[in-house]
Amino acid sequence: MTVGERIKEIRTKLGMSQVAFADKINVSKQTLYKYENNIITNIPSDKIEAAAKLGNVSPAYLMGWENEEEMKWAEEAYMVTASTAIEGLYAAFKDKEVNHFKDYAKLTDNHKNMVDNYTKKLLSIQDMEHEAELNAAHARTDIDVPEGTDTSDNDIMDDDDF
């Protein structure tokens, strides 16, 4: 398989048009066509890197320096690692929180931004409420101190040597 064929394979696996893929790697549609059809075989390294990053593969794979068996093994290892990490995160949270994560993931980017902004506002309100509670606790004047027990201030004020 050639470099161009690998680029085309990545693009089709991603379900992207030539125009969209070309925009992402910063080349024209015509140039991408020439890469994919081996008309241009001396592809600049920055374009190889961009295509590899977009396809979540290594530049070495695109160049043909890694075989497909190694790639399949790497993909499977990645999926196992990612799956284990996600399970670990879910174990750290309550079911209700996990359901929030799952629901959040289903939202459009616009709605995710709305949730993020609303959450920040709620946290700000919560911080203000907490600060108000602390200030109120320090400003309490309804504490009864038995007469004669709170004389330290008066003693200091009356002591000429202090």
N, C-alpha and C. Protein backbone atom coordinates (compact mmCIF):
# COMPACT_ATOMS: atom_id res chain seq x y z
N MET A 1 0.85 -1.18 0.00
CA MET A 1 0.00 0.00 0.00
C MET A 1 0.90 1.25 0.00
N THR A 2 0.57 2.24 -0.81
CA THR A 2 1.38 3.46 -0.92
C THR A 2 0.96 4.49 0.13
N VAL A 3 1.77 5.52 0.26
CA VAL A 3 1.45 6.61 1.18
C VAL A 3 0.11 7.22 0.80
N GLY A 4 -0.08 7.47 -0.49
CA GLY A 4 -1.34 8.05 -0.96
C GLY A 4 -2.54 7.18 -0.64
N GLU A 5 -2.37 5.88 -0.81
CA GLU A 5 -3.47 4.95 -0.51
C GLU A 5 -3.78 4.95 0.99
N ARG A 6 -2.75 5.07 1.80
CA ARG A 6 -2.98 5.13 3.25
C ARG A 6 -3.71 6.41 3.64
N ILE A 7 -3.32 7.52 3.01
CA ILE A 7 -4.01 8.79 3.28
C ILE A 7 -5.48 8.67 2.90
N LYS A 8 -5.74 8.09 1.73
CA LYS A 8 -7.13 7.91 1.28
C LYS A 8 -7.88 7.00 2.24
N GLU A 9 -7.22 5.94 2.70
CA GLU A 9 -7.85 5.01 3.65
C GLU A 9 -8.25 5.75 4.93
N ILE A 10 -7.35 6.57 5.44
CA ILE A 10 -7.66 7.34 6.65
C ILE A 10 -8.85 8.26 6.40
N ARG A 11 -8.80 8.97 5.28
CA ARG A 11 -9.88 9.93 4.97
C ARG A 11 -11.22 9.22 4.88
N THR A 12 -11.27 8.08 4.21
CA THR A 12 -12.55 7.36 4.06
C THR A 12 -13.01 6.77 5.39
N LYS A 13 -12.07 6.30 6.23
CA LYS A 13 -12.45 5.78 7.55
C LYS A 13 -13.05 6.89 8.41
N LEU A 14 -12.55 8.10 8.24
CA LEU A 14 -13.08 9.24 8.97
C LEU A 14 -14.40 9.74 8.38
N GLY A 15 -14.72 9.25 7.17
CA GLY A 15 -15.96 9.69 6.52
C GLY A 15 -15.89 11.13 6.04
N MET A 16 -14.69 11.58 5.71
CA MET A 16 -14.51 12.96 5.28
C MET A 16 -14.40 13.06 3.76
N SER A 17 -14.90 14.16 3.24
CA SER A 17 -14.74 14.43 1.82
C SER A 17 -13.30 14.88 1.56
N GLN A 18 -12.91 14.87 0.29
CA GLN A 18 -11.57 15.36 -0.04
C GLN A 18 -11.42 16.83 0.34
N VAL A 19 -12.47 17.59 0.14
CA VAL A 19 -12.41 19.03 0.46
C VAL A 19 -12.19 19.23 1.96
N ALA A 20 -12.96 18.54 2.77
CA ALA A 20 -12.85 18.69 4.23
C ALA A 20 -11.48 18.22 4.72
N PHE A 21 -11.02 17.07 4.24
CA PHE A 21 -9.73 16.54 4.67
C PHE A 21 -8.60 17.46 4.21
N ALA A 22 -8.70 17.94 2.96
CA ALA A 22 -7.67 18.84 2.43
C ALA A 22 -7.59 20.12 3.27
N ASP A 23 -8.75 20.65 3.66
CA ASP A 23 -8.76 21.85 4.51
C ASP A 23 -8.06 21.60 5.83
N LYS A 24 -8.30 20.42 6.40
CA LYS A 24 -7.71 20.09 7.71
C LYS A 24 -6.19 19.96 7.66
N ILE A 25 -5.66 19.48 6.53
CA ILE A 25 -4.20 19.33 6.44
C ILE A 25 -3.56 20.50 5.67
N ASN A 26 -4.42 21.48 5.34
CA ASN A 26 -3.96 22.72 4.73
C ASN A 26 -3.34 22.54 3.34
N VAL A 27 -4.07 21.81 2.50
CA VAL A 27 -3.70 21.69 1.08
C VAL A 27 -4.97 21.88 0.26
N SER A 28 -4.82 22.04 -1.03
CA SER A 28 -6.00 22.15 -1.90
C SER A 28 -6.57 20.76 -2.16
N LYS A 29 -7.82 20.75 -2.61
CA LYS A 29 -8.46 19.48 -2.97
C LYS A 29 -7.67 18.78 -4.09
N GLN A 30 -7.17 19.57 -5.03
CA GLN A 30 -6.41 19.00 -6.13
C GLN A 30 -5.12 18.34 -5.65
N THR A 31 -4.47 18.99 -4.71
CA THR A 31 -3.23 18.43 -4.17
C THR A 31 -3.52 17.12 -3.44
N LEU A 32 -4.58 17.10 -2.64
CA LEU A 32 -4.94 15.87 -1.94
C LEU A 32 -5.25 14.77 -2.95
N TYR A 33 -5.97 15.10 -4.01
CA TYR A 33 -6.26 14.12 -5.06
C TYR A 33 -4.95 13.54 -5.62
N LYS A 34 -3.98 14.40 -5.84
CA LYS A 34 -2.69 13.96 -6.38
C LYS A 34 -1.93 13.08 -5.38
N TYR A 35 -2.07 13.39 -4.07
CA TYR A 35 -1.45 12.53 -3.05
C TYR A 35 -2.09 11.15 -3.09
N GLU A 36 -3.43 11.14 -3.05
CA GLU A 36 -4.16 9.87 -2.96
C GLU A 36 -3.97 9.00 -4.20
N ASN A 37 -3.74 9.61 -5.33
CA ASN A 37 -3.60 8.85 -6.58
C ASN A 37 -2.15 8.71 -7.02
N ASN A 38 -1.23 8.97 -6.10
CA ASN A 38 0.21 8.78 -6.32
C ASN A 38 0.77 9.59 -7.48
N ILE A 39 0.14 10.72 -7.78
CA ILE A 39 0.67 11.62 -8.79
C ILE A 39 1.79 12.43 -8.15
N ILE A 40 1.57 12.83 -6.89
CA ILE A 40 2.62 13.44 -6.07
C ILE A 40 3.02 12.40 -5.04
N THR A 41 4.27 11.98 -5.07
CA THR A 41 4.73 10.97 -4.11
C THR A 41 5.70 11.56 -3.08
N ASN A 42 6.23 12.72 -3.35
CA ASN A 42 7.14 13.38 -2.42
C ASN A 42 6.33 14.35 -1.57
N ILE A 43 5.56 13.80 -0.65
CA ILE A 43 4.65 14.60 0.17
C ILE A 43 5.44 15.25 1.30
N PRO A 44 5.27 16.56 1.50
CA PRO A 44 6.01 17.25 2.56
C PRO A 44 5.72 16.63 3.93
N SER A 45 6.73 16.62 4.78
CA SER A 45 6.60 15.96 6.08
C SER A 45 5.51 16.60 6.95
N ASP A 46 5.32 17.93 6.84
CA ASP A 46 4.28 18.56 7.67
C ASP A 46 2.88 18.10 7.25
N LYS A 47 2.72 17.76 5.97
CA LYS A 47 1.42 17.25 5.50
C LYS A 47 1.22 15.80 5.95
N ILE A 48 2.30 15.03 5.95
CA ILE A 48 2.24 13.65 6.46
C ILE A 48 1.86 13.68 7.94
N GLU A 49 2.50 14.56 8.70
CA GLU A 49 2.21 14.67 10.13
C GLU A 49 0.78 15.11 10.38
N ALA A 50 0.30 16.08 9.60
CA ALA A 50 -1.07 16.56 9.77
C ALA A 50 -2.09 15.47 9.45
N ALA A 51 -1.86 14.73 8.37
CA ALA A 51 -2.77 13.64 8.00
C ALA A 51 -2.74 12.54 9.05
N ALA A 52 -1.55 12.22 9.55
CA ALA A 52 -1.43 11.18 10.58
C ALA A 52 -2.16 11.59 11.85
N LYS A 53 -1.98 12.84 12.27
CA LYS A 53 -2.64 13.33 13.48
C LYS A 53 -4.16 13.28 13.31
N LEU A 54 -4.62 13.72 12.16
CA LEU A 54 -6.05 13.72 11.87
C LEU A 54 -6.61 12.30 11.90
N GLY A 55 -5.84 11.34 11.37
CA GLY A 55 -6.29 9.95 11.33
C GLY A 55 -5.95 9.15 12.57
N ASN A 56 -5.30 9.80 13.55
CA ASN A 56 -4.91 9.15 14.80
C ASN A 56 -4.01 7.94 14.53
N VAL A 57 -3.08 8.11 13.59
CA VAL A 57 -2.07 7.10 13.31
C VAL A 57 -0.71 7.77 13.36
N SER A 58 0.33 7.00 13.31
CA SER A 58 1.67 7.57 13.33
C SER A 58 2.10 7.96 11.92
N PRO A 59 2.94 8.97 11.80
CA PRO A 59 3.50 9.28 10.49
C PRO A 59 4.24 8.08 9.89
N ALA A 60 4.84 7.27 10.75
CA ALA A 60 5.55 6.07 10.28
C ALA A 60 4.60 5.11 9.58
N TYR A 61 3.38 5.00 10.09
CA TYR A 61 2.40 4.14 9.42
C TYR A 61 2.08 4.67 8.03
N LEU A 62 1.84 6.00 7.94
CA LEU A 62 1.53 6.58 6.64
C LEU A 62 2.66 6.35 5.63
N MET A 63 3.88 6.40 6.11
CA MET A 63 5.04 6.23 5.24
C MET A 63 5.28 4.75 4.88
N GLY A 64 4.56 3.85 5.56
CA GLY A 64 4.74 2.43 5.27
C GLY A 64 5.84 1.79 6.09
N TRP A 65 6.27 2.47 7.12
CA TRP A 65 7.36 1.94 7.95
C TRP A 65 6.84 1.02 9.04
N GLU A 66 5.53 1.02 9.29
CA GLU A 66 4.90 0.11 10.24
C GLU A 66 3.93 -0.74 9.44
N ASN A 67 3.87 -2.03 9.77
CA ASN A 67 2.93 -2.86 9.01
C ASN A 67 1.53 -2.83 9.64
N GLU A 68 0.56 -3.34 8.92
CA GLU A 68 -0.83 -3.26 9.36
C GLU A 68 -1.08 -4.09 10.61
N GLU A 69 -0.37 -5.21 10.78
CA GLU A 69 -0.53 -6.03 11.98
C GLU A 69 -0.13 -5.23 13.23
N GLU A 70 0.98 -4.51 13.11
CA GLU A 70 1.41 -3.66 14.23
C GLU A 70 0.37 -2.59 14.53
N MET A 71 -0.22 -2.02 13.49
CA MET A 71 -1.24 -1.00 13.66
C MET A 71 -2.47 -1.56 14.35
N LYS A 72 -2.91 -2.74 13.94
CA LYS A 72 -4.09 -3.35 14.56
C LYS A 72 -3.82 -3.63 16.03
N TRP A 73 -2.62 -4.14 16.33
CA TRP A 73 -2.26 -4.40 17.72
C TRP A 73 -2.24 -3.11 18.51
N ALA A 74 -1.67 -2.05 17.95
CA ALA A 74 -1.61 -0.76 18.64
C ALA A 74 -3.00 -0.19 18.89
N GLU A 75 -3.88 -0.31 17.90
CA GLU A 75 -5.25 0.18 18.05
C GLU A 75 -5.98 -0.59 19.15
N GLU A 76 -5.81 -1.91 19.17
CA GLU A 76 -6.46 -2.72 20.20
C GLU A 76 -5.92 -2.37 21.58
N ALA A 77 -4.60 -2.19 21.69
CA ALA A 77 -4.00 -1.83 22.97
C ALA A 77 -4.51 -0.47 23.43
N TYR A 78 -4.64 0.47 22.49
CA TYR A 78 -5.16 1.80 22.82
C TYR A 78 -6.59 1.69 23.33
N MET A 79 -7.42 0.90 22.65
CA MET A 79 -8.81 0.77 23.05
C MET A 79 -8.94 0.14 24.44
N VAL A 80 -8.11 -0.85 24.74
CA VAL A 80 -8.13 -1.48 26.06
C VAL A 80 -7.71 -0.47 27.13
N THR A 81 -6.65 0.28 26.84
CA THR A 81 -6.16 1.28 27.79
C THR A 81 -7.20 2.36 28.02
N ALA A 82 -7.79 2.87 26.95
CA ALA A 82 -8.80 3.92 27.07
C ALA A 82 -10.01 3.41 27.83
N SER A 83 -10.42 2.18 27.52
CA SER A 83 -11.57 1.59 28.19
C SER A 83 -11.31 1.43 29.68
N THR A 84 -10.13 0.97 30.05
CA THR A 84 -9.77 0.81 31.46
C THR A 84 -9.75 2.16 32.17
N ALA A 85 -9.22 3.17 31.52
CA ALA A 85 -9.18 4.51 32.12
C ALA A 85 -10.58 5.04 32.36
N ILE A 86 -11.46 4.84 31.39
CA ILE A 86 -12.85 5.32 31.52
C ILE A 86 -13.54 4.58 32.66
N GLU A 87 -13.35 3.28 32.74
CA GLU A 87 -13.96 2.50 33.83
C GLU A 87 -13.46 2.98 35.18
N GLY A 88 -12.16 3.31 35.25
CA GLY A 88 -11.61 3.83 36.50
C GLY A 88 -12.23 5.16 36.89
N LEU A 89 -12.45 6.02 35.93
CA LEU A 89 -13.09 7.31 36.21
C LEU A 89 -14.52 7.10 36.70
N TYR A 90 -15.25 6.20 36.02
CA TYR A 90 -16.62 5.94 36.43
C TYR A 90 -16.68 5.37 37.83
N ALA A 91 -15.71 4.55 38.21
CA ALA A 91 -15.69 3.96 39.54
C ALA A 91 -15.52 5.03 40.62
N ALA A 92 -14.88 6.14 40.25
CA ALA A 92 -14.62 7.20 41.22
C ALA A 92 -15.84 8.10 41.45
N PHE A 93 -16.85 7.98 40.61
CA PHE A 93 -18.02 8.84 40.70
C PHE A 93 -19.27 8.04 41.02
N LYS A 94 -20.27 8.73 41.55
CA LYS A 94 -21.55 8.11 41.84
C LYS A 94 -22.31 7.91 40.52
N ASP A 95 -23.29 7.00 40.54
CA ASP A 95 -24.07 6.71 39.33
C ASP A 95 -24.70 7.97 38.75
N LYS A 96 -25.21 8.82 39.63
CA LYS A 96 -25.85 10.05 39.18
C LYS A 96 -24.86 10.94 38.42
N GLU A 97 -23.62 11.01 38.90
CA GLU A 97 -22.60 11.82 38.24
C GLU A 97 -22.20 11.21 36.90
N VAL A 98 -22.08 9.89 36.86
CA VAL A 98 -21.75 9.20 35.61
C VAL A 98 -22.84 9.47 34.58
N ASN A 99 -24.10 9.45 35.00
CA ASN A 99 -25.20 9.72 34.07
C ASN A 99 -25.12 11.16 33.55
N HIS A 100 -24.67 12.09 34.40
CA HIS A 100 -24.47 13.47 33.93
C HIS A 100 -23.40 13.51 32.85
N PHE A 101 -22.29 12.79 33.06
CA PHE A 101 -21.23 12.74 32.05
C PHE A 101 -21.77 12.19 30.72
N LYS A 102 -22.53 11.11 30.82
CA LYS A 102 -23.06 10.49 29.60
C LYS A 102 -24.02 11.43 28.89
N ASP A 103 -24.89 12.10 29.67
CA ASP A 103 -25.82 13.05 29.06
C ASP A 103 -25.08 14.22 28.44
N TYR A 104 -24.08 14.72 29.14
CA TYR A 104 -23.28 15.85 28.65
C TYR A 104 -22.62 15.48 27.31
N ALA A 105 -22.14 14.27 27.20
CA ALA A 105 -21.46 13.83 25.97
C ALA A 105 -22.41 13.82 24.78
N LYS A 106 -23.70 13.70 25.03
CA LYS A 106 -24.69 13.66 23.94
C LYS A 106 -25.06 15.06 23.44
N LEU A 107 -24.70 16.09 24.20
CA LEU A 107 -25.08 17.45 23.84
C LEU A 107 -24.28 17.97 22.65
N THR A 108 -24.87 18.91 21.94
CA THR A 108 -24.13 19.60 20.88
C THR A 108 -23.11 20.53 21.54
N ASP A 109 -22.14 21.00 20.77
CA ASP A 109 -21.14 21.91 21.32
C ASP A 109 -21.79 23.17 21.89
N ASN A 110 -22.80 23.68 21.20
CA ASN A 110 -23.49 24.88 21.66
C ASN A 110 -24.14 24.64 23.03
N HIS A 111 -24.81 23.52 23.16
CA HIS A 111 -25.47 23.21 24.43
C HIS A 111 -24.45 22.89 25.53
N LYS A 112 -23.33 22.29 25.17
CA LYS A 112 -22.27 22.06 26.16
C LYS A 112 -21.76 23.39 26.70
N ASN A 113 -21.60 24.38 25.82
CA ASN A 113 -21.16 25.71 26.26
C ASN A 113 -22.16 26.33 27.21
N MET A 114 -23.46 26.13 26.93
CA MET A 114 -24.50 26.65 27.82
C MET A 114 -24.41 26.00 29.20
N VAL A 115 -24.23 24.69 29.22
CA VAL A 115 -24.09 23.97 30.49
C VAL A 115 -22.86 24.46 31.25
N ASP A 116 -21.74 24.62 30.54
CA ASP A 116 -20.50 25.09 31.16
C ASP A 116 -20.69 26.47 31.78
N ASN A 117 -21.32 27.38 31.04
CA ASN A 117 -21.55 28.73 31.56
C ASN A 117 -22.48 28.73 32.75
N TYR A 118 -23.54 27.92 32.68
CA TYR A 118 -24.49 27.83 33.79
C TYR A 118 -23.81 27.26 35.03
N THR A 119 -22.98 26.25 34.83
CA THR A 119 -22.25 25.65 35.96
C THR A 119 -21.34 26.67 36.62
N LYS A 120 -20.64 27.47 35.82
CA LYS A 120 -19.76 28.51 36.38
C LYS A 120 -20.56 29.52 37.19
N LYS A 121 -21.75 29.90 36.69
CA LYS A 121 -22.60 30.84 37.42
C LYS A 121 -23.05 30.24 38.75
N LEU A 122 -23.47 28.98 38.71
CA LEU A 122 -23.91 28.32 39.95
C LEU A 122 -22.77 28.23 40.97
N LEU A 123 -21.56 27.91 40.50
CA LEU A 123 -20.42 27.84 41.41
C LEU A 123 -20.11 29.21 42.00
N SER A 124 -20.26 30.25 41.22
CA SER A 124 -20.03 31.61 41.70
C SER A 124 -21.06 31.96 42.78
N ILE A 125 -22.31 31.63 42.53
CA ILE A 125 -23.36 31.88 43.52
C ILE A 125 -23.08 31.08 44.79
N GLN A 126 -22.68 29.83 44.62
CA GLN A 126 -22.37 28.98 45.77
C GLN A 126 -21.23 29.58 46.59
N ASP A 127 -20.20 30.08 45.92
CA ASP A 127 -19.08 30.71 46.63
C ASP A 127 -19.53 31.95 47.39
N MET A 128 -20.40 32.76 46.77
CA MET A 128 -20.91 33.96 47.45
C MET A 128 -21.74 33.59 48.67
N GLU A 129 -22.57 32.54 48.54
CA GLU A 129 -23.39 32.10 49.67
C GLU A 129 -22.50 31.61 50.81
N HIS A 130 -21.45 30.86 50.47
CA HIS A 130 -20.53 30.35 51.49
C HIS A 130 -19.83 31.52 52.19
N GLU A 131 -19.40 32.49 51.42
CA GLU A 131 -18.73 33.65 52.00
C GLU A 131 -19.68 34.43 52.90
N ALA A 132 -20.93 34.55 52.49
CA ALA A 132 -21.93 35.25 53.31
C ALA A 132 -22.16 34.51 54.63
N GLU A 133 -22.18 33.17 54.56
CA GLU A 133 -22.35 32.37 55.78
C GLU A 133 -21.17 32.58 56.73
N LEU A 134 -19.96 32.61 56.19
CA LEU A 134 -18.77 32.84 57.02
C LEU A 134 -18.81 34.22 57.66
N ASN A 135 -19.17 35.22 56.87
CA ASN A 135 -19.25 36.58 57.41
C ASN A 135 -20.32 36.69 58.49
N ALA A 136 -21.43 36.02 58.28
CA ALA A 136 -22.50 36.05 59.27
C ALA A 136 -22.06 35.36 60.55
N ALA A 137 -21.31 34.29 60.45
CA ALA A 137 -20.83 33.57 61.63
C ALA A 137 -19.87 34.43 62.44
N HIS A 138 -19.06 35.22 61.76
CA HIS A 138 -18.10 36.07 62.46
C HIS A 138 -18.76 37.32 63.04
N ALA A 139 -19.91 37.68 62.54
CA ALA A 139 -20.58 38.90 62.99
C ALA A 139 -21.63 38.63 64.05
N ARG A 140 -21.69 37.43 64.58
CA ARG A 140 -22.72 37.11 65.57
C ARG A 140 -22.58 37.96 66.82
N THR A 141 -23.70 38.53 67.21
CA THR A 141 -23.72 39.35 68.42
C THR A 141 -24.68 38.77 69.45
N ASP A 142 -25.28 37.65 69.14
CA ASP A 142 -26.29 37.07 70.03
C ASP A 142 -25.69 36.04 70.99
N ILE A 143 -24.37 36.03 71.14
CA ILE A 143 -23.73 35.07 72.02
C ILE A 143 -23.72 35.67 73.43
N ASP A 144 -24.28 34.92 74.36
CA ASP A 144 -24.33 35.39 75.75
C ASP A 144 -23.05 35.01 76.46
N VAL A 145 -22.37 36.02 76.99
CA VAL A 145 -21.17 35.80 77.79
C VAL A 145 -21.54 36.18 79.23
N PRO A 146 -21.40 35.25 80.15
CA PRO A 146 -21.77 35.56 81.54
C PRO A 146 -21.00 36.79 82.04
N GLU A 147 -21.71 37.61 82.75
CA GLU A 147 -21.12 38.85 83.23
C GLU A 147 -19.93 38.54 84.15
N GLY A 148 -18.87 39.30 83.95
CA GLY A 148 -17.67 39.14 84.75
C GLY A 148 -16.67 38.17 84.17
N THR A 149 -17.06 37.42 83.14
CA THR A 149 -16.12 36.45 82.57
C THR A 149 -15.34 37.03 81.39
N ASP A 150 -15.85 38.08 80.79
CA ASP A 150 -15.16 38.67 79.64
C ASP A 150 -14.58 40.02 80.06
N THR A 151 -13.50 39.95 80.81
CA THR A 151 -12.92 41.19 81.32
C THR A 151 -11.55 41.47 80.74
N SER A 152 -11.11 40.64 79.82
CA SER A 152 -9.76 40.79 79.31
C SER A 152 -9.56 42.14 78.63
N ASP A 153 -10.52 42.57 77.83
CA ASP A 153 -10.37 43.87 77.17
C ASP A 153 -10.31 45.00 78.19
N ASN A 154 -11.19 44.90 79.19
CA ASN A 154 -11.21 45.96 80.20
C ASN A 154 -9.94 45.95 81.03
N ASP A 155 -9.42 44.75 81.33
CA ASP A 155 -8.19 44.68 82.12
C ASP A 155 -7.03 45.32 81.37
N ILE A 156 -6.94 45.07 80.10
CA ILE A 156 -5.86 45.65 79.30
C ILE A 156 -5.99 47.16 79.26
N MET A 157 -7.22 47.61 79.08
CA MET A 157 -7.44 49.06 78.98
C MET A 157 -7.16 49.75 80.31
N ASP A 158 -7.39 49.07 81.41
CA ASP A 158 -7.18 49.68 82.73
C ASP A 158 -5.75 49.55 83.23
N ASP A 159 -4.93 48.72 82.60
CA ASP A 159 -3.58 48.47 83.06
C ASP A 159 -2.63 49.48 82.42
N ASP A 160 -2.10 50.39 83.25
CA ASP A 160 -1.21 51.43 82.76
C ASP A 160 0.12 50.87 82.29
N ASP A 161 0.55 49.74 82.84
CA ASP A 161 1.83 49.15 82.47
C ASP A 161 1.75 48.38 81.15
N PHE A 162 0.57 48.10 80.66
CA PHE A 162 0.44 47.30 79.46
C PHE A 162 0.65 48.11 78.21
